[in-house]
Amino acid sequence: RIKIPTKDASGGSHNFDFYLSNFGKDNPQGSFECIHQYISSTGVPHLSSLGTIQDKITVCATNDSYQVTKERVTKAEEDKSKNSTKFIRPGGPFR
């Protein structure tokens, strides 16, 4: 668990759970390399390899992120229903 303080003065924090997985075991067909991109003191751009990446860290969603997503989906569905078109057919219930 990673604990990151909030910006406000409340002293609160956000907690993030995560897990590690091994690329070799989880993805045997591919590999990833860590690249460092920088500009030298003379202004020349450079790329240098820091080596292959052996492990991957995955940050799990928090309860807050699920709640925010749910609220956004609900709002989008409400907005969509407000802008829908109703077809009125001759002889139908709308006269």
PDB file of N, CA and C in Angstrom:
ATOM      1  N   ARG A   1       0.852  -1.176   0.000  1.00  0.00           N
ATOM      2  CA  ARG A   1       0.000   0.000   0.000  1.00  0.00           C
ATOM      3  C   ARG A   1       0.893   1.233   0.000  1.00  0.00           C
ATOM      4  N   ILE A   2       0.557   2.167  -0.895  1.00  0.00           N
ATOM      5  CA  ILE A   2       1.271   3.439  -0.964  1.00  0.00           C
ATOM      6  C   ILE A   2       0.328   4.504  -0.412  1.00  0.00           C
ATOM      7  N   LYS A   3       0.810   5.312   0.508  1.00  0.00           N
ATOM      8  CA  LYS A   3       0.005   6.368   1.132  1.00  0.00           C
ATOM      9  C   LYS A   3       0.539   7.713   0.659  1.00  0.00           C
ATOM     10  N   ILE A   4      -0.325   8.509  -0.004  1.00  0.00           N
ATOM     11  CA  ILE A   4       0.084   9.806  -0.538  1.00  0.00           C
ATOM     12  C   ILE A   4      -0.756  10.886   0.134  1.00  0.00           C
ATOM     13  N   PRO A   5      -0.114  11.876   0.769  1.00  0.00           N
ATOM     14  CA  PRO A   5      -0.860  12.947   1.445  1.00  0.00           C
ATOM     15  C   PRO A   5      -1.687  13.760   0.455  1.00  0.00           C
ATOM     16  N   THR A   6      -2.833  14.268   0.927  1.00  0.00           N
ATOM     17  CA  THR A   6      -3.673  15.132   0.099  1.00  0.00           C
ATOM     18  C   THR A   6      -3.103  16.542   0.086  1.00  0.00           C
ATOM     19  N   LYS A   7      -3.575  17.359  -0.866  1.00  0.00           N
ATOM     20  CA  LYS A   7      -3.080  18.733  -1.005  1.00  0.00           C
ATOM     21  C   LYS A   7      -3.586  19.642   0.102  1.00  0.00           C
ATOM     22  N   ASP A   8      -4.790  19.378   0.587  1.00  0.00           N
ATOM     23  CA  ASP A   8      -5.361  20.288   1.584  1.00  0.00           C
ATOM     24  C   ASP A   8      -4.686  20.115   2.951  1.00  0.00           C
ATOM     25  N   ALA A   9      -5.031  20.974   3.859  1.00  0.00           N
ATOM     26  CA  ALA A   9      -4.380  20.992   5.174  1.00  0.00           C
ATOM     27  C   ALA A   9      -5.037  20.037   6.169  1.00  0.00           C
ATOM     28  N   SER A  10      -5.928  19.174   5.699  1.00  0.00           N
ATOM     29  CA  SER A  10      -6.660  18.289   6.606  1.00  0.00           C
ATOM     30  C   SER A  10      -5.797  17.175   7.181  1.00  0.00           C
ATOM     31  N   GLY A  11      -4.650  16.958   6.589  1.00  0.00           N
ATOM     32  CA  GLY A  11      -3.790  15.870   7.054  1.00  0.00           C
ATOM     33  C   GLY A  11      -4.222  14.515   6.523  1.00  0.00           C
ATOM     34  N   GLY A  12      -5.175  14.506   5.604  1.00  0.00           N
ATOM     35  CA  GLY A  12      -5.657  13.256   5.026  1.00  0.00           C
ATOM     36  C   GLY A  12      -4.688  12.696   4.000  1.00  0.00           C
ATOM     37  N   SER A  13      -5.024  11.530   3.507  1.00  0.00           N
ATOM     38  CA  SER A  13      -4.170  10.906   2.503  1.00  0.00           C
ATOM     39  C   SER A  13      -5.002  10.002   1.610  1.00  0.00           C
ATOM     40  N   HIS A  14      -4.445   9.676   0.469  1.00  0.00           N
ATOM     41  CA  HIS A  14      -5.027   8.703  -0.446  1.00  0.00           C
ATOM     42  C   HIS A  14      -4.175   7.446  -0.347  1.00  0.00           C
ATOM     43  N   ASN A  15      -4.840   6.306  -0.239  1.00  0.00           N
ATOM     44  CA  ASN A  15      -4.129   5.037  -0.178  1.00  0.00           C
ATOM     45  C   ASN A  15      -4.318   4.290  -1.486  1.00  0.00           C
ATOM     46  N   PHE A  16      -3.247   3.752  -2.011  1.00  0.00           N
ATOM     47  CA  PHE A  16      -3.285   2.995  -3.251  1.00  0.00           C
ATOM     48  C   PHE A  16      -2.705   1.612  -3.007  1.00  0.00           C
ATOM     49  N   ASP A  17      -3.485   0.602  -3.338  1.00  0.00           N
ATOM     50  CA  ASP A  17      -2.980  -0.763  -3.273  1.00  0.00           C
ATOM     51  C   ASP A  17      -2.352  -1.089  -4.615  1.00  0.00           C
ATOM     52  N   PHE A  18      -1.397  -1.973  -4.607  1.00  0.00           N
ATOM     53  CA  PHE A  18      -0.728  -2.347  -5.842  1.00  0.00           C
ATOM     54  C   PHE A  18      -0.225  -3.770  -5.732  1.00  0.00           C
ATOM     55  N   TYR A  19       0.143  -4.326  -6.869  1.00  0.00           N
ATOM     56  CA  TYR A  19       0.779  -5.634  -6.862  1.00  0.00           C
ATOM     57  C   TYR A  19       1.862  -5.669  -7.924  1.00  0.00           C
ATOM     58  N   LEU A  20       2.796  -6.540  -7.720  1.00  0.00           N
ATOM     59  CA  LEU A  20       3.898  -6.728  -8.661  1.00  0.00           C
ATOM     60  C   LEU A  20       3.684  -8.015  -9.428  1.00  0.00           C
ATOM     61  N   SER A  21       4.050  -8.008 -10.683  1.00  0.00           N
ATOM     62  CA  SER A  21       4.040  -9.240 -11.463  1.00  0.00           C
ATOM     63  C   SER A  21       5.325  -9.300 -12.268  1.00  0.00           C
ATOM     64  N   ASN A  22       5.715 -10.503 -12.590  1.00  0.00           N
ATOM     65  CA  ASN A  22       6.960 -10.726 -13.308  1.00  0.00           C
ATOM     66  C   ASN A  22       6.673 -10.779 -14.801  1.00  0.00           C
ATOM     67  N   PHE A  23       7.346  -9.922 -15.582  1.00  0.00           N
ATOM     68  CA  PHE A  23       7.116  -9.897 -17.029  1.00  0.00           C
ATOM     69  C   PHE A  23       7.472 -11.222 -17.684  1.00  0.00           C
ATOM     70  N   GLY A  24       8.539 -11.844 -17.247  1.00  0.00           N
ATOM     71  CA  GLY A  24       8.960 -13.098 -17.855  1.00  0.00           C
ATOM     72  C   GLY A  24       7.909 -14.174 -17.727  1.00  0.00           C
ATOM     73  N   LYS A  25       7.261 -14.228 -16.573  1.00  0.00           N
ATOM     74  CA  LYS A  25       6.240 -15.234 -16.331  1.00  0.00           C
ATOM     75  C   LYS A  25       4.911 -14.845 -16.970  1.00  0.00           C
ATOM     76  N   ASP A  26       4.522 -13.574 -16.846  1.00  0.00           N
ATOM     77  CA  ASP A  26       3.218 -13.120 -17.323  1.00  0.00           C
ATOM     78  C   ASP A  26       3.176 -12.839 -18.821  1.00  0.00           C
ATOM     79  N   ASN A  27       4.308 -12.528 -19.429  1.00  0.00           N
ATOM     80  CA  ASN A  27       4.342 -12.151 -20.840  1.00  0.00           C
ATOM     81  C   ASN A  27       5.578 -12.771 -21.489  1.00  0.00           C
ATOM     82  N   PRO A  28       5.559 -14.078 -21.719  1.00  0.00           N
ATOM     83  CA  PRO A  28       6.768 -14.741 -22.221  1.00  0.00           C
ATOM     84  C   PRO A  28       7.159 -14.364 -23.643  1.00  0.00           C
ATOM     85  N   GLN A  29       6.246 -13.740 -24.424  1.00  0.00           N
ATOM     86  CA  GLN A  29       6.561 -13.429 -25.813  1.00  0.00           C
ATOM     87  C   GLN A  29       7.200 -12.068 -26.007  1.00  0.00           C
ATOM     88  N   GLY A  30       7.193 -11.233 -25.009  1.00  0.00           N
ATOM     89  CA  GLY A  30       7.720  -9.887 -25.204  1.00  0.00           C
ATOM     90  C   GLY A  30       8.607  -9.458 -24.060  1.00  0.00           C
ATOM     91  N   SER A  31       9.279  -8.349 -24.275  1.00  0.00           N
ATOM     92  CA  SER A  31      10.099  -7.785 -23.208  1.00  0.00           C
ATOM     93  C   SER A  31      10.008  -6.269 -23.300  1.00  0.00           C
ATOM     94  N   PHE A  32      10.328  -5.628 -22.207  1.00  0.00           N
ATOM     95  CA  PHE A  32      10.283  -4.176 -22.146  1.00  0.00           C
ATOM     96  C   PHE A  32      11.629  -3.661 -21.686  1.00  0.00           C
ATOM     97  N   GLU A  33      11.986  -2.518 -22.215  1.00  0.00           N
ATOM     98  CA  GLU A  33      13.267  -1.923 -21.858  1.00  0.00           C
ATOM     99  C   GLU A  33      13.022  -0.532 -21.291  1.00  0.00           C
ATOM    100  N   CYS A  34      13.746  -0.191 -20.255  1.00  0.00           N
ATOM    101  CA  CYS A  34      13.636   1.127 -19.641  1.00  0.00           C
ATOM    102  C   CYS A  34      14.614   2.065 -20.345  1.00  0.00           C
ATOM    103  N   ILE A  35      14.086   3.153 -20.892  1.00  0.00           N
ATOM    104  CA  ILE A  35      14.893   4.112 -21.648  1.00  0.00           C
ATOM    105  C   ILE A  35      14.915   5.448 -20.915  1.00  0.00           C
ATOM    106  N   HIS A  36      16.074   6.047 -20.831  1.00  0.00           N
ATOM    107  CA  HIS A  36      16.224   7.373 -20.231  1.00  0.00           C
ATOM    108  C   HIS A  36      16.458   8.371 -21.357  1.00  0.00           C
ATOM    109  N   GLN A  37      15.589   9.369 -21.449  1.00  0.00           N
ATOM    110  CA  GLN A  37      15.725  10.408 -22.468  1.00  0.00           C
ATOM    111  C   GLN A  37      16.139  11.693 -21.767  1.00  0.00           C
ATOM    112  N   TYR A  38      17.180  12.317 -22.261  1.00  0.00           N
ATOM    113  CA  TYR A  38      17.653  13.554 -21.637  1.00  0.00           C
ATOM    114  C   TYR A  38      18.357  14.415 -22.671  1.00  0.00           C
ATOM    115  N   ILE A  39      18.571  15.658 -22.306  1.00  0.00           N
ATOM    116  CA  ILE A  39      19.316  16.593 -23.155  1.00  0.00           C
ATOM    117  C   ILE A  39      20.610  16.922 -22.430  1.00  0.00           C
ATOM    118  N   SER A  40      21.709  16.745 -23.128  1.00  0.00           N
ATOM    119  CA  SER A  40      23.018  16.978 -22.511  1.00  0.00           C
ATOM    120  C   SER A  40      23.244  18.470 -22.265  1.00  0.00           C
ATOM    121  N   SER A  41      24.293  18.770 -21.552  1.00  0.00           N
ATOM    122  CA  SER A  41      24.615  20.173 -21.253  1.00  0.00           C
ATOM    123  C   SER A  41      24.923  20.970 -22.517  1.00  0.00           C
ATOM    124  N   THR A  42      25.265  20.271 -23.611  1.00  0.00           N
ATOM    125  CA  THR A  42      25.522  20.955 -24.882  1.00  0.00           C
ATOM    126  C   THR A  42      24.249  21.100 -25.718  1.00  0.00           C
ATOM    127  N   GLY A  43      23.107  20.606 -25.192  1.00  0.00           N
ATOM    128  CA  GLY A  43      21.835  20.736 -25.896  1.00  0.00           C
ATOM    129  C   GLY A  43      21.511  19.595 -26.834  1.00  0.00           C
ATOM    130  N   VAL A  44      22.309  18.535 -26.828  1.00  0.00           N
ATOM    131  CA  VAL A  44      22.079  17.400 -27.722  1.00  0.00           C
ATOM    132  C   VAL A  44      21.165  16.381 -27.026  1.00  0.00           C
ATOM    133  N   PRO A  45      20.051  15.985 -27.685  1.00  0.00           N
ATOM    134  CA  PRO A  45      19.175  14.978 -27.077  1.00  0.00           C
ATOM    135  C   PRO A  45      19.825  13.594 -27.110  1.00  0.00           C
ATOM    136  N   HIS A  46      19.613  12.827 -26.056  1.00  0.00           N
ATOM    137  CA  HIS A  46      20.183  11.480 -25.953  1.00  0.00           C
ATOM    138  C   HIS A  46      19.130  10.497 -25.464  1.00  0.00           C
ATOM    139  N   LEU A  47      19.298   9.255 -25.862  1.00  0.00           N
ATOM    140  CA  LEU A  47      18.546   8.132 -25.321  1.00  0.00           C
ATOM    141  C   LEU A  47      19.559   7.132 -24.808  1.00  0.00           C
ATOM    142  N   SER A  48      19.333   6.629 -23.610  1.00  0.00           N
ATOM    143  CA  SER A  48      20.224   5.585 -23.113  1.00  0.00           C
ATOM    144  C   SER A  48      19.391   4.501 -22.455  1.00  0.00           C
ATOM    145  N   SER A  49      19.815   3.265 -22.620  1.00  0.00           N
ATOM    146  CA  SER A  49      19.103   2.136 -22.040  1.00  0.00           C
ATOM    147  C   SER A  49      19.525   1.947 -20.591  1.00  0.00           C
ATOM    148  N   LEU A  50      18.536   1.800 -19.722  1.00  0.00           N
ATOM    149  CA  LEU A  50      18.816   1.502 -18.323  1.00  0.00           C
ATOM    150  C   LEU A  50      18.672   0.011 -18.055  1.00  0.00           C
ATOM    151  N   GLY A  51      18.310  -0.747 -19.085  1.00  0.00           N
ATOM    152  CA  GLY A  51      18.188  -2.199 -18.953  1.00  0.00           C
ATOM    153  C   GLY A  51      16.761  -2.676 -19.164  1.00  0.00           C
ATOM    154  N   THR A  52      16.600  -3.989 -19.137  1.00  0.00           N
ATOM    155  CA  THR A  52      15.266  -4.558 -19.319  1.00  0.00           C
ATOM    156  C   THR A  52      14.473  -4.465 -18.023  1.00  0.00           C
ATOM    157  N   ILE A  53      13.179  -4.369 -18.180  1.00  0.00           N
ATOM    158  CA  ILE A  53      12.283  -4.297 -17.031  1.00  0.00           C
ATOM    159  C   ILE A  53      11.869  -5.720 -16.682  1.00  0.00           C
ATOM    160  N   GLN A  54      12.131  -6.107 -15.452  1.00  0.00           N
ATOM    161  CA  GLN A  54      11.834  -7.465 -15.011  1.00  0.00           C
ATOM    162  C   GLN A  54      10.452  -7.586 -14.370  1.00  0.00           C
ATOM    163  N   ASP A  55      10.020  -6.535 -13.681  1.00  0.00           N
ATOM    164  CA  ASP A  55       8.756  -6.582 -12.955  1.00  0.00           C
ATOM    165  C   ASP A  55       7.870  -5.409 -13.337  1.00  0.00           C
ATOM    166  N   LYS A  56       6.585  -5.606 -13.185  1.00  0.00           N
ATOM    167  CA  LYS A  56       5.607  -4.572 -13.490  1.00  0.00           C
ATOM    168  C   LYS A  56       4.816  -4.291 -12.220  1.00  0.00           C
ATOM    169  N   ILE A  57       4.594  -3.009 -11.924  1.00  0.00           N
ATOM    170  CA  ILE A  57       3.754  -2.634 -10.794  1.00  0.00           C
ATOM    171  C   ILE A  57       2.408  -2.186 -11.346  1.00  0.00           C
ATOM    172  N   THR A  58       1.335  -2.704 -10.779  1.00  0.00           N
ATOM    173  CA  THR A  58      -0.010  -2.344 -11.187  1.00  0.00           C
ATOM    174  C   THR A  58      -0.707  -1.704 -10.002  1.00  0.00           C
ATOM    175  N   VAL A  59      -1.195  -0.484 -10.190  1.00  0.00           N
ATOM    176  CA  VAL A  59      -1.911   0.215  -9.127  1.00  0.00           C
ATOM    177  C   VAL A  59      -3.386  -0.134  -9.261  1.00  0.00           C
ATOM    178  N   CYS A  60      -3.965  -0.619  -8.190  1.00  0.00           N
ATOM    179  CA  CYS A  60      -5.376  -1.014  -8.186  1.00  0.00           C
ATOM    180  C   CYS A  60      -6.261   0.216  -8.013  1.00  0.00           C
ATOM    181  N   ALA A  61      -7.453   0.132  -8.552  1.00  0.00           N
ATOM    182  CA  ALA A  61      -8.401   1.237  -8.414  1.00  0.00           C
ATOM    183  C   ALA A  61      -8.827   1.364  -6.960  1.00  0.00           C
ATOM    184  N   THR A  62      -9.150   2.572  -6.559  1.00  0.00           N
ATOM    185  CA  THR A  62      -9.625   2.814  -5.198  1.00  0.00           C
ATOM    186  C   THR A  62     -11.149   2.866  -5.205  1.00  0.00           C
ATOM    187  N   ASN A  63     -11.753   2.799  -4.046  1.00  0.00           N
ATOM    188  CA  ASN A  63     -13.211   2.927  -3.959  1.00  0.00           C
ATOM    189  C   ASN A  63     -13.661   4.268  -4.510  1.00  0.00           C
ATOM    190  N   ASP A  64     -12.853   5.308  -4.275  1.00  0.00           N
ATOM    191  CA  ASP A  64     -13.180   6.637  -4.800  1.00  0.00           C
ATOM    192  C   ASP A  64     -13.241   6.627  -6.321  1.00  0.00           C
ATOM    193  N   SER A  65     -12.298   5.951  -6.963  1.00  0.00           N
ATOM    194  CA  SER A  65     -12.282   5.950  -8.429  1.00  0.00           C
ATOM    195  C   SER A  65     -13.494   5.209  -8.982  1.00  0.00           C
ATOM    196  N   TYR A  66     -13.938   4.143  -8.298  1.00  0.00           N
ATOM    197  CA  TYR A  66     -15.152   3.454  -8.734  1.00  0.00           C
ATOM    198  C   TYR A  66     -16.366   4.368  -8.590  1.00  0.00           C
ATOM    199  N   GLN A  67     -16.444   5.102  -7.480  1.00  0.00           N
ATOM    200  CA  GLN A  67     -17.569   6.000  -7.237  1.00  0.00           C
ATOM    201  C   GLN A  67     -17.600   7.126  -8.268  1.00  0.00           C
ATOM    202  N   VAL A  68     -16.449   7.718  -8.560  1.00  0.00           N
ATOM    203  CA  VAL A  68     -16.379   8.801  -9.547  1.00  0.00           C
ATOM    204  C   VAL A  68     -16.803   8.287 -10.922  1.00  0.00           C
ATOM    205  N   THR A  69     -16.353   7.092 -11.289  1.00  0.00           N
ATOM    206  CA  THR A  69     -16.722   6.511 -12.580  1.00  0.00           C
ATOM    207  C   THR A  69     -18.224   6.266 -12.644  1.00  0.00           C
ATOM    208  N   LYS A  70     -18.794   5.734 -11.566  1.00  0.00           N
ATOM    209  CA  LYS A  70     -20.236   5.482 -11.521  1.00  0.00           C
ATOM    210  C   LYS A  70     -21.013   6.784 -11.701  1.00  0.00           C
ATOM    211  N   GLU A  71     -20.576   7.842 -11.021  1.00  0.00           N
ATOM    212  CA  GLU A  71     -21.252   9.134 -11.134  1.00  0.00           C
ATOM    213  C   GLU A  71     -21.162   9.690 -12.549  1.00  0.00           C
ATOM    214  N   ARG A  72     -20.021   9.542 -13.185  1.00  0.00           N
ATOM    215  CA  ARG A  72     -19.856  10.042 -14.558  1.00  0.00           C
ATOM    216  C   ARG A  72     -20.740   9.281 -15.537  1.00  0.00           C
ATOM    217  N   VAL A  73     -20.818   7.958 -15.369  1.00  0.00           N
ATOM    218  CA  VAL A  73     -21.653   7.147 -16.260  1.00  0.00           C
ATOM    219  C   VAL A  73     -23.119   7.512 -16.068  1.00  0.00           C
ATOM    220  N   THR A  74     -23.544   7.660 -14.812  1.00  0.00           N
ATOM    221  CA  THR A  74     -24.930   8.045 -14.529  1.00  0.00           C
ATOM    222  C   THR A  74     -25.259   9.393 -15.155  1.00  0.00           C
ATOM    223  N   LYS A  75     -24.368  10.358 -15.010  1.00  0.00           N
ATOM    224  CA  LYS A  75     -24.572  11.696 -15.586  1.00  0.00           C
ATOM    225  C   LYS A  75     -24.656  11.620 -17.105  1.00  0.00           C
ATOM    226  N   ALA A  76     -23.771  10.837 -17.731  1.00  0.00           N
ATOM    227  CA  ALA A  76     -23.778  10.699 -19.189  1.00  0.00           C
ATOM    228  C   ALA A  76     -25.085  10.069 -19.664  1.00  0.00           C
ATOM    229  N   GLU A  77     -25.582   9.066 -18.928  1.00  0.00           N
ATOM    230  CA  GLU A  77     -26.845   8.431 -19.304  1.00  0.00           C
ATOM    231  C   GLU A  77     -28.011   9.407 -19.163  1.00  0.00           C
ATOM    232  N   GLU A  78     -27.997  10.219 -18.099  1.00  0.00           N
ATOM    233  CA  GLU A  78     -29.045  11.224 -17.916  1.00  0.00           C
ATOM    234  C   GLU A  78     -29.011  12.256 -19.038  1.00  0.00           C
ATOM    235  N   ASP A  79     -27.827  12.729 -19.385  1.00  0.00           N
ATOM    236  CA  ASP A  79     -27.691  13.706 -20.471  1.00  0.00           C
ATOM    237  C   ASP A  79     -28.174  13.126 -21.791  1.00  0.00           C
ATOM    238  N   LYS A  80     -27.862  11.862 -22.022  1.00  0.00           N
ATOM    239  CA  LYS A  80     -28.260  11.211 -23.267  1.00  0.00           C
ATOM    240  C   LYS A  80     -29.785  11.091 -23.342  1.00  0.00           C
ATOM    241  N   SER A  81     -30.417  10.739 -22.218  1.00  0.00           N
ATOM    242  CA  SER A  81     -31.876  10.578 -22.241  1.00  0.00           C
ATOM    243  C   SER A  81     -32.584  11.918 -22.436  1.00  0.00           C
ATOM    244  N   LYS A  82     -31.982  13.011 -21.993  1.00  0.00           N
ATOM    245  CA  LYS A  82     -32.573  14.337 -22.184  1.00  0.00           C
ATOM    246  C   LYS A  82     -32.573  14.734 -23.657  1.00  0.00           C
ATOM    247  N   ASN A  83     -31.604  14.239 -24.396  1.00  0.00           N
ATOM    248  CA  ASN A  83     -31.453  14.627 -25.795  1.00  0.00           C
ATOM    249  C   ASN A  83     -32.011  13.595 -26.761  1.00  0.00           C
ATOM    250  N   SER A  84     -32.839  12.677 -26.269  1.00  0.00           N
ATOM    251  CA  SER A  84     -33.345  11.643 -27.159  1.00  0.00           C
ATOM    252  C   SER A  84     -34.506  12.180 -27.997  1.00  0.00           C
ATOM    253  N   THR A  85     -34.784  11.510 -29.078  1.00  0.00           N
ATOM    254  CA  THR A  85     -35.857  11.889 -29.990  1.00  0.00           C
ATOM    255  C   THR A  85     -37.016  10.927 -29.810  1.00  0.00           C
ATOM    256  N   LYS A  86     -38.231  11.454 -29.791  1.00  0.00           N
ATOM    257  CA  LYS A  86     -39.420  10.610 -29.710  1.00  0.00           C
ATOM    258  C   LYS A  86     -40.154  10.715 -31.031  1.00  0.00           C
ATOM    259  N   PHE A  87     -40.426   9.568 -31.605  1.00  0.00           N
ATOM    260  CA  PHE A  87     -41.154   9.532 -32.864  1.00  0.00           C
ATOM    261  C   PHE A  87     -42.646   9.465 -32.567  1.00  0.00           C
ATOM    262  N   ILE A  88     -43.394  10.330 -33.228  1.00  0.00           N
ATOM    263  CA  ILE A  88     -44.849  10.342 -33.079  1.00  0.00           C
ATOM    264  C   ILE A  88     -45.428   9.845 -34.390  1.00  0.00           C
ATOM    265  N   ARG A  89     -46.181   8.754 -34.303  1.00  0.00           N
ATOM    266  CA  ARG A  89     -46.757   8.160 -35.510  1.00  0.00           C
ATOM    267  C   ARG A  89     -48.214   8.615 -35.666  1.00  0.00           C
ATOM    268  N   PRO A  90     -48.618   8.798 -36.898  1.00  0.00           N
ATOM    269  CA  PRO A  90     -50.026   9.166 -37.126  1.00  0.00           C
ATOM    270  C   PRO A  90     -50.943   8.089 -36.548  1.00  0.00           C
ATOM    271  N   GLY A  91     -51.954   8.512 -35.809  1.00  0.00           N
ATOM    272  CA  GLY A  91     -52.898   7.562 -35.226  1.00  0.00           C
ATOM    273  C   GLY A  91     -52.383   6.929 -33.954  1.00  0.00           C
ATOM    274  N   GLY A  92     -51.199   7.350 -33.506  1.00  0.00           N
ATOM    275  CA  GLY A  92     -50.613   6.788 -32.292  1.00  0.00           C
ATOM    276  C   GLY A  92     -51.203   7.423 -31.049  1.00  0.00           C
ATOM    277  N   PRO A  93     -50.657   7.123 -29.889  1.00  0.00           N
ATOM    278  CA  PRO A  93     -51.206   7.638 -28.633  1.00  0.00           C
ATOM    279  C   PRO A  93     -51.027   9.144 -28.463  1.00  0.00           C
ATOM    280  N   PHE A  94     -50.174   9.781 -29.240  1.00  0.00           N
ATOM    281  CA  PHE A  94     -49.958  11.223 -29.121  1.00  0.00           C
ATOM    282  C   PHE A  94     -50.757  11.936 -30.194  1.00  0.00           C
ATOM    283  N   ARG A  95     -51.907  12.519 -29.847  1.00  0.00           N
ATOM    284  CA  ARG A  95     -52.732  13.222 -30.838  1.00  0.00           C
ATOM    285  C   ARG A  95     -52.853  14.651 -30.472  1.00  0.00           C
TER     286      ARG A  95
END
